[in-house]
Amino acid sequence: MHSKFLNYFDEVARQGSIRRAAAVLHVSSSSVNRKILDIEERLGVKLFDRHAEGVELTAAGAVVLEHCRRTIFDYDKILHLVADIREMRAGHIDIASLDSVALSLLPTAVDQFARQYPNITYTIRTAQPDEIVRAVAESDAGIGISFCNDLHPGVRTRTEKSAPIGAILNNDHPLAERDSLDIEDLIPFPLIRSYDALTERSLVNLAIEDDKVPLKTACFTNSLPLARSMILKGHGIGLYSKIGFLSEIEAGELRYLPLKSSFLKDLKIGLLIPSRSHQTPIENALCRILSKSLRSLRLDS
């Protein structure tokens, strides 16, 4: 059944008359009648009962009408979505992200997206993992990038990547030549930690809560550039995933050592979207770029 029949059939059902439907459609009555007769023959069942005053749907016709109207509606919806994707006339995207992602992955991904869709605007904020998940769940952000092992029911993961939290050290640190560390190995040394380490929901705090390991923190900060600078200058060991330090690690300026904690080793960073609402075409387009960028990172070795 092609679109011409769908429109013909729908209008005949609305008008209760082939003649009146043809007038609305600006085609001949014979064309409309011929198309309906052809489909009736192919289906092997009458769709309309014809009488002197016009036509009336049969039981089979009522079923076909429901299909026609649903198909027409879905087709019109697709046309609007495709038009939005093709033209991207305007739009705004709200993103909530870990600061490490905002400093590493987001700039390149947004730059690539902005070259394709220059009329889109953005609000990009950095936040702690719980805040990001909450912002996405409450639709304050259309896209979130955060740890995703324990999600709110209002959030679903579009893409995820293994991103264990480990120890970030400079090359002169006494532990730098080790291959991995126990949490207890950190006890004698000052630590550099993200600001959420002050809360009970800190991922590292959750990992060590049963062991009551007395870690000594030299600096809590919500500034990743500051944390990076302090680690490079030997002021402490950072407890982070690799994502905010990839350039320095790949350049050999810093070392990443896995921590022997099953909880920290199993952590994942995810591209998060609301589960209770559909993405807009522009959000979907940006998510495709972000997903590809996230999957390409090596964060677990």
Protein backbone atom coordinates (compact mmCIF):
# COMPACT_ATOMS: atom_id res chain seq x y z
CA MET A 1 0.00 0.00 0.00
CA HIS A 2 1.69 3.21 -1.08
CA SER A 3 1.12 6.75 0.12
CA LYS A 4 -1.38 7.69 -2.60
CA PHE A 5 -3.74 4.92 -1.52
CA LEU A 6 -3.31 5.87 2.15
CA ASN A 7 -4.39 9.43 1.47
CA TYR A 8 -7.23 8.39 -0.84
CA PHE A 9 -8.57 5.83 1.62
CA ASP A 10 -8.32 8.18 4.60
CA GLU A 11 -10.18 10.97 2.80
CA VAL A 12 -12.94 8.67 1.51
CA ALA A 13 -13.47 7.44 5.07
CA ARG A 14 -13.63 11.04 6.33
CA GLN A 15 -16.08 12.18 3.65
CA GLY A 16 -18.17 9.02 3.43
CA SER A 17 -18.16 9.54 -0.31
CA ILE A 18 -15.72 8.83 -3.13
CA ARG A 19 -17.00 11.83 -5.07
CA ARG A 20 -16.57 14.28 -2.20
CA ALA A 21 -13.14 12.83 -1.33
CA ALA A 22 -12.01 13.24 -4.95
CA ALA A 23 -13.07 16.89 -4.86
CA VAL A 24 -11.03 17.50 -1.69
CA LEU A 25 -8.03 15.68 -3.19
CA HIS A 26 -8.37 17.46 -6.57
CA VAL A 27 -8.36 14.21 -8.51
CA SER A 28 -11.01 12.36 -10.49
CA SER A 29 -13.53 10.12 -8.77
CA SER A 30 -12.55 7.30 -11.09
CA SER A 31 -8.91 7.50 -9.96
CA VAL A 32 -9.90 7.24 -6.30
CA ASN A 33 -12.38 4.43 -6.94
CA ARG A 34 -9.91 2.51 -9.11
CA LYS A 35 -7.19 2.70 -6.43
CA ILE A 36 -9.54 1.41 -3.71
CA LEU A 37 -10.89 -1.38 -5.95
CA ASP A 38 -7.32 -2.44 -6.75
CA ILE A 39 -6.42 -2.74 -3.06
CA GLU A 40 -9.67 -4.57 -2.31
CA GLU A 41 -8.81 -7.08 -5.01
CA ARG A 42 -5.29 -7.56 -3.68
CA LEU A 43 -6.55 -8.01 -0.13
CA GLY A 44 -9.45 -10.22 -1.19
CA VAL A 45 -11.93 -8.32 0.98
CA LYS A 46 -14.24 -5.32 0.67
CA LEU A 47 -13.14 -2.19 2.50
CA PHE A 48 -16.27 -0.14 1.82
CA ASP A 49 -19.94 -0.97 1.37
CA ARG A 50 -21.22 1.22 -1.46
CA HIS A 51 -24.74 2.65 -1.40
CA ALA A 52 -26.69 5.49 -3.02
CA GLU A 53 -25.63 8.13 -0.47
CA GLY A 54 -21.95 7.21 -0.51
CA VAL A 55 -19.77 4.57 1.15
CA GLU A 56 -19.44 3.02 4.61
CA LEU A 57 -16.46 1.22 6.11
CA THR A 58 -16.64 -2.54 6.50
CA ALA A 59 -15.10 -4.27 9.50
CA ALA A 60 -11.97 -4.94 7.41
CA GLY A 61 -12.02 -1.34 6.22
CA ALA A 62 -11.97 -0.08 9.81
CA VAL A 63 -8.81 -2.11 10.48
CA VAL A 64 -7.16 -0.77 7.33
CA LEU A 65 -8.17 2.80 8.21
CA GLU A 66 -6.41 2.54 11.57
CA HIS A 67 -3.27 1.36 9.79
CA CYS A 68 -3.54 4.16 7.22
CA ARG A 69 -3.88 6.93 9.77
CA ARG A 70 -1.10 5.58 11.97
CA THR A 71 1.18 5.28 8.93
CA ILE A 72 0.34 8.79 7.69
CA PHE A 73 0.99 10.20 11.17
CA ASP A 74 4.32 8.36 11.51
CA TYR A 75 5.39 9.38 8.02
CA ASP A 76 4.64 13.06 8.69
CA LYS A 77 6.57 12.82 11.95
CA ILE A 78 9.56 11.33 10.14
CA LEU A 79 9.44 14.09 7.53
CA HIS A 80 9.63 16.74 10.26
CA LEU A 81 12.49 14.95 12.03
CA VAL A 82 14.46 14.55 8.82
CA ALA A 83 13.87 18.21 7.97
CA ASP A 84 15.18 19.21 11.39
CA ILE A 85 18.26 17.02 10.96
CA ARG A 86 18.89 18.27 7.42
CA GLU A 87 18.49 21.93 8.12
CA MET A 88 19.36 22.24 11.82
CA ARG A 89 17.94 25.73 11.66
CA ALA A 90 18.31 26.39 15.38
CA GLY A 91 18.51 24.62 18.68
CA HIS A 92 20.14 24.47 22.08
CA ILE A 93 21.81 21.58 23.89
CA ASP A 94 22.27 21.34 27.66
CA ILE A 95 25.23 19.18 28.72
CA ALA A 96 26.34 18.22 32.23
CA SER A 97 29.79 16.67 32.38
CA LEU A 98 32.64 15.58 34.59
CA ASP A 99 35.35 18.23 34.53
CA SER A 100 37.84 15.67 33.22
CA VAL A 101 35.61 15.02 30.20
CA ALA A 102 35.03 18.75 29.68
CA LEU A 103 38.79 19.24 29.49
CA SER A 104 39.62 16.25 27.30
CA LEU A 105 36.84 14.79 25.15
CA LEU A 106 34.20 17.54 24.91
CA PRO A 107 36.18 20.34 23.20
CA THR A 108 37.11 18.21 20.18
CA ALA A 109 33.65 16.63 19.92
CA VAL A 110 31.83 19.96 20.18
CA ASP A 111 34.20 21.54 17.66
CA GLN A 112 33.48 18.72 15.18
CA PHE A 113 29.73 19.07 15.76
CA ALA A 114 29.79 22.88 15.49
CA ARG A 115 31.49 22.67 12.09
CA GLN A 116 28.56 20.60 10.80
CA TYR A 117 25.82 22.51 12.65
CA PRO A 118 27.02 26.09 13.25
CA ASN A 119 23.63 27.45 14.39
CA ILE A 120 23.36 25.30 17.52
CA THR A 121 24.06 26.84 20.93
CA TYR A 122 25.14 25.09 24.14
CA THR A 123 25.08 25.23 27.91
CA ILE A 124 27.93 23.09 29.24
CA ARG A 125 28.47 22.76 32.98
CA THR A 126 30.78 20.59 35.02
CA ALA A 127 29.48 18.87 38.12
CA GLN A 128 30.02 15.94 40.47
CA PRO A 129 28.81 12.48 39.36
CA ASP A 130 25.61 12.47 41.47
CA GLU A 131 24.71 15.98 40.31
CA ILE A 132 25.12 15.00 36.65
CA VAL A 133 22.89 11.95 36.99
CA ARG A 134 20.27 14.03 38.80
CA ALA A 135 20.37 16.78 36.14
CA VAL A 136 19.75 14.24 33.37
CA ALA A 137 16.99 12.46 35.34
CA GLU A 138 15.19 15.75 35.94
CA SER A 139 15.69 16.88 32.30
CA ASP A 140 17.83 19.83 33.35
CA ALA A 141 20.41 18.38 30.97
CA GLY A 142 19.68 16.56 27.72
CA ILE A 143 23.10 14.88 27.76
CA GLY A 144 25.26 13.88 30.71
CA ILE A 145 28.73 12.34 30.85
CA SER A 146 29.54 10.73 34.17
CA PHE A 147 30.24 7.50 36.00
CA CYS A 148 27.32 5.19 35.32
CA ASN A 149 27.58 2.10 37.52
CA ASP A 150 24.67 3.14 39.73
CA LEU A 151 22.02 4.98 37.73
CA HIS A 152 18.77 6.75 38.57
CA PRO A 153 15.70 5.12 36.94
CA GLY A 154 15.15 8.34 35.01
CA VAL A 155 18.46 7.91 33.19
CA ARG A 156 19.65 5.46 30.56
CA THR A 157 23.11 4.88 29.14
CA ARG A 158 23.64 5.43 25.43
CA THR A 159 27.34 4.50 25.43
CA GLU A 160 29.66 3.42 28.21
CA LYS A 161 33.40 2.94 28.57
CA SER A 162 35.47 1.23 31.23
CA ALA A 163 37.13 3.99 33.28
CA PRO A 164 38.68 2.66 36.50
CA ILE A 165 39.91 5.11 39.11
CA GLY A 166 43.59 4.64 39.86
CA ALA A 167 46.62 6.51 41.16
CA ILE A 168 48.12 9.35 39.10
CA LEU A 169 51.78 10.00 40.02
CA ASN A 170 54.69 11.99 38.70
CA ASN A 171 57.72 10.05 37.51
CA ASP A 172 59.82 10.85 40.58
CA HIS A 173 57.36 9.41 43.07
CA PRO A 174 58.63 6.43 45.15
CA LEU A 175 55.72 4.29 43.90
CA ALA A 176 56.09 5.24 40.22
CA GLU A 177 57.88 2.03 39.22
CA ARG A 178 55.15 -0.24 40.56
CA ASP A 179 52.69 -1.95 38.19
CA SER A 180 49.69 -1.58 40.51
CA LEU A 181 48.89 -0.51 44.05
CA ASP A 182 46.87 -1.69 47.01
CA ILE A 183 44.77 0.99 48.69
CA GLU A 184 46.99 0.53 51.78
CA ASP A 185 50.05 1.57 49.74
CA LEU A 186 48.61 5.10 49.64
CA ILE A 187 48.52 5.57 53.43
CA PRO A 188 51.98 7.21 53.85
CA PHE A 189 51.50 9.70 51.02
CA PRO A 190 49.48 12.92 50.62
CA LEU A 191 46.64 12.67 48.10
CA ILE A 192 45.07 15.06 45.62
CA ARG A 193 41.34 14.33 45.32
CA SER A 194 38.26 15.69 43.61
CA TYR A 195 35.85 17.81 45.62
CA ASP A 196 33.28 15.01 45.93
CA ALA A 197 35.77 13.13 48.15
CA LEU A 198 34.37 15.26 50.98
CA THR A 199 31.05 13.39 50.69
CA GLU A 200 30.02 9.86 51.57
CA ARG A 201 29.01 9.28 47.94
CA SER A 202 32.60 9.66 46.71
CA LEU A 203 33.48 6.61 44.61
CA VAL A 204 36.82 6.17 46.38
CA ASN A 205 35.14 6.52 49.78
CA LEU A 206 32.62 3.85 48.80
CA ALA A 207 35.47 1.56 47.78
CA ILE A 208 37.30 1.83 51.11
CA GLU A 209 34.40 2.26 53.57
CA ASP A 210 34.56 -1.35 54.79
CA ASP A 211 38.33 -1.29 55.37
CA LYS A 212 38.48 2.13 57.09
CA VAL A 213 41.81 2.93 55.42
CA PRO A 214 43.18 6.19 56.93
CA LEU A 215 44.02 8.10 53.77
CA LYS A 216 45.67 11.51 54.07
CA THR A 217 44.42 14.14 51.63
CA ALA A 218 46.59 17.20 50.97
CA CYS A 219 44.08 18.92 48.68
CA PHE A 220 40.42 18.60 47.77
CA THR A 221 39.66 20.53 44.58
CA ASN A 222 37.02 20.85 41.89
CA SER A 223 39.69 22.16 39.52
CA LEU A 224 41.29 19.44 37.44
CA PRO A 225 44.00 21.78 36.04
CA LEU A 226 45.03 22.59 39.62
CA ALA A 227 45.08 18.89 40.55
CA ARG A 228 47.16 18.12 37.48
CA SER A 229 49.66 20.87 38.33
CA MET A 230 50.02 19.71 41.94
CA ILE A 231 50.60 16.09 40.89
CA LEU A 232 53.18 17.12 38.28
CA LYS A 233 55.03 19.17 40.93
CA GLY A 234 55.10 16.24 43.35
CA HIS A 235 52.64 17.55 45.94
CA GLY A 236 50.64 14.35 46.06
CA ILE A 237 49.11 11.31 44.37
CA GLY A 238 45.94 11.93 42.42
CA LEU A 239 43.00 9.53 42.66
CA TYR A 240 41.29 9.84 39.30
CA SER A 241 40.42 8.01 36.12
CA LYS A 242 42.87 8.49 33.24
CA ILE A 243 40.53 10.63 31.15
CA GLY A 244 41.65 14.01 32.51
CA PHE A 245 45.36 13.14 32.31
CA LEU A 246 45.66 11.33 28.98
CA SER A 247 48.00 13.83 27.34
CA GLU A 248 50.45 13.81 30.26
CA ILE A 249 50.31 10.01 30.61
CA GLU A 250 50.87 9.45 26.88
CA ALA A 251 53.73 11.98 26.94
CA GLY A 252 55.37 10.10 29.84
CA GLU A 253 55.04 13.06 32.23
CA LEU A 254 52.71 11.19 34.58
CA ARG A 255 52.05 7.55 35.42
CA TYR A 256 48.73 5.83 35.95
CA LEU A 257 48.74 2.82 38.28
CA PRO A 258 45.63 0.63 38.74
CA LEU A 259 44.36 0.19 42.28
CA LYS A 260 43.59 -3.33 43.50
CA SER A 261 39.95 -2.64 44.21
CA SER A 262 37.26 -4.55 42.34
CA PHE A 263 34.87 -1.64 42.84
CA LEU A 264 37.23 0.97 41.39
CA LYS A 265 38.39 -1.35 38.58
CA ASP A 266 34.80 -1.92 37.40
CA LEU A 267 33.84 1.75 37.11
CA LYS A 268 32.49 2.98 33.78
CA ILE A 269 31.95 6.41 32.30
CA GLY A 270 28.73 6.68 30.32
CA LEU A 271 26.98 8.97 27.89
CA LEU A 272 23.71 9.52 29.74
CA ILE A 273 20.32 10.61 28.40
CA PRO A 274 16.86 10.91 30.03
CA SER A 275 14.89 7.68 29.96
CA ARG A 276 11.51 9.41 30.14
CA SER A 277 11.79 11.64 27.07
CA HIS A 278 12.93 11.35 23.47
CA GLN A 279 16.12 13.00 22.31
CA THR A 280 15.87 15.90 19.90
CA PRO A 281 17.53 15.40 16.50
CA ILE A 282 20.38 17.74 17.44
CA GLU A 283 21.01 15.92 20.74
CA ASN A 284 21.02 12.62 18.88
CA ALA A 285 23.50 13.96 16.32
CA LEU A 286 25.88 15.19 19.02
CA CYS A 287 25.54 11.91 20.93
CA ARG A 288 26.75 9.99 17.88
CA ILE A 289 29.95 12.06 17.82
CA LEU A 290 30.42 11.81 21.60
CA SER A 291 29.83 8.05 21.53
CA LYS A 292 32.47 7.53 18.88
CA SER A 293 34.96 9.72 20.78
CA LEU A 294 34.29 7.93 24.08
CA ARG A 295 34.69 4.47 22.58
CA SER A 296 38.05 5.42 21.07
CA LEU A 297 39.65 6.26 24.44
CA ARG A 298 41.99 3.81 26.24
CA LEU A 299 41.15 4.29 29.90
CA ASP A 300 41.58 0.84 31.40
CA SER A 301 45.25 0.04 30.82
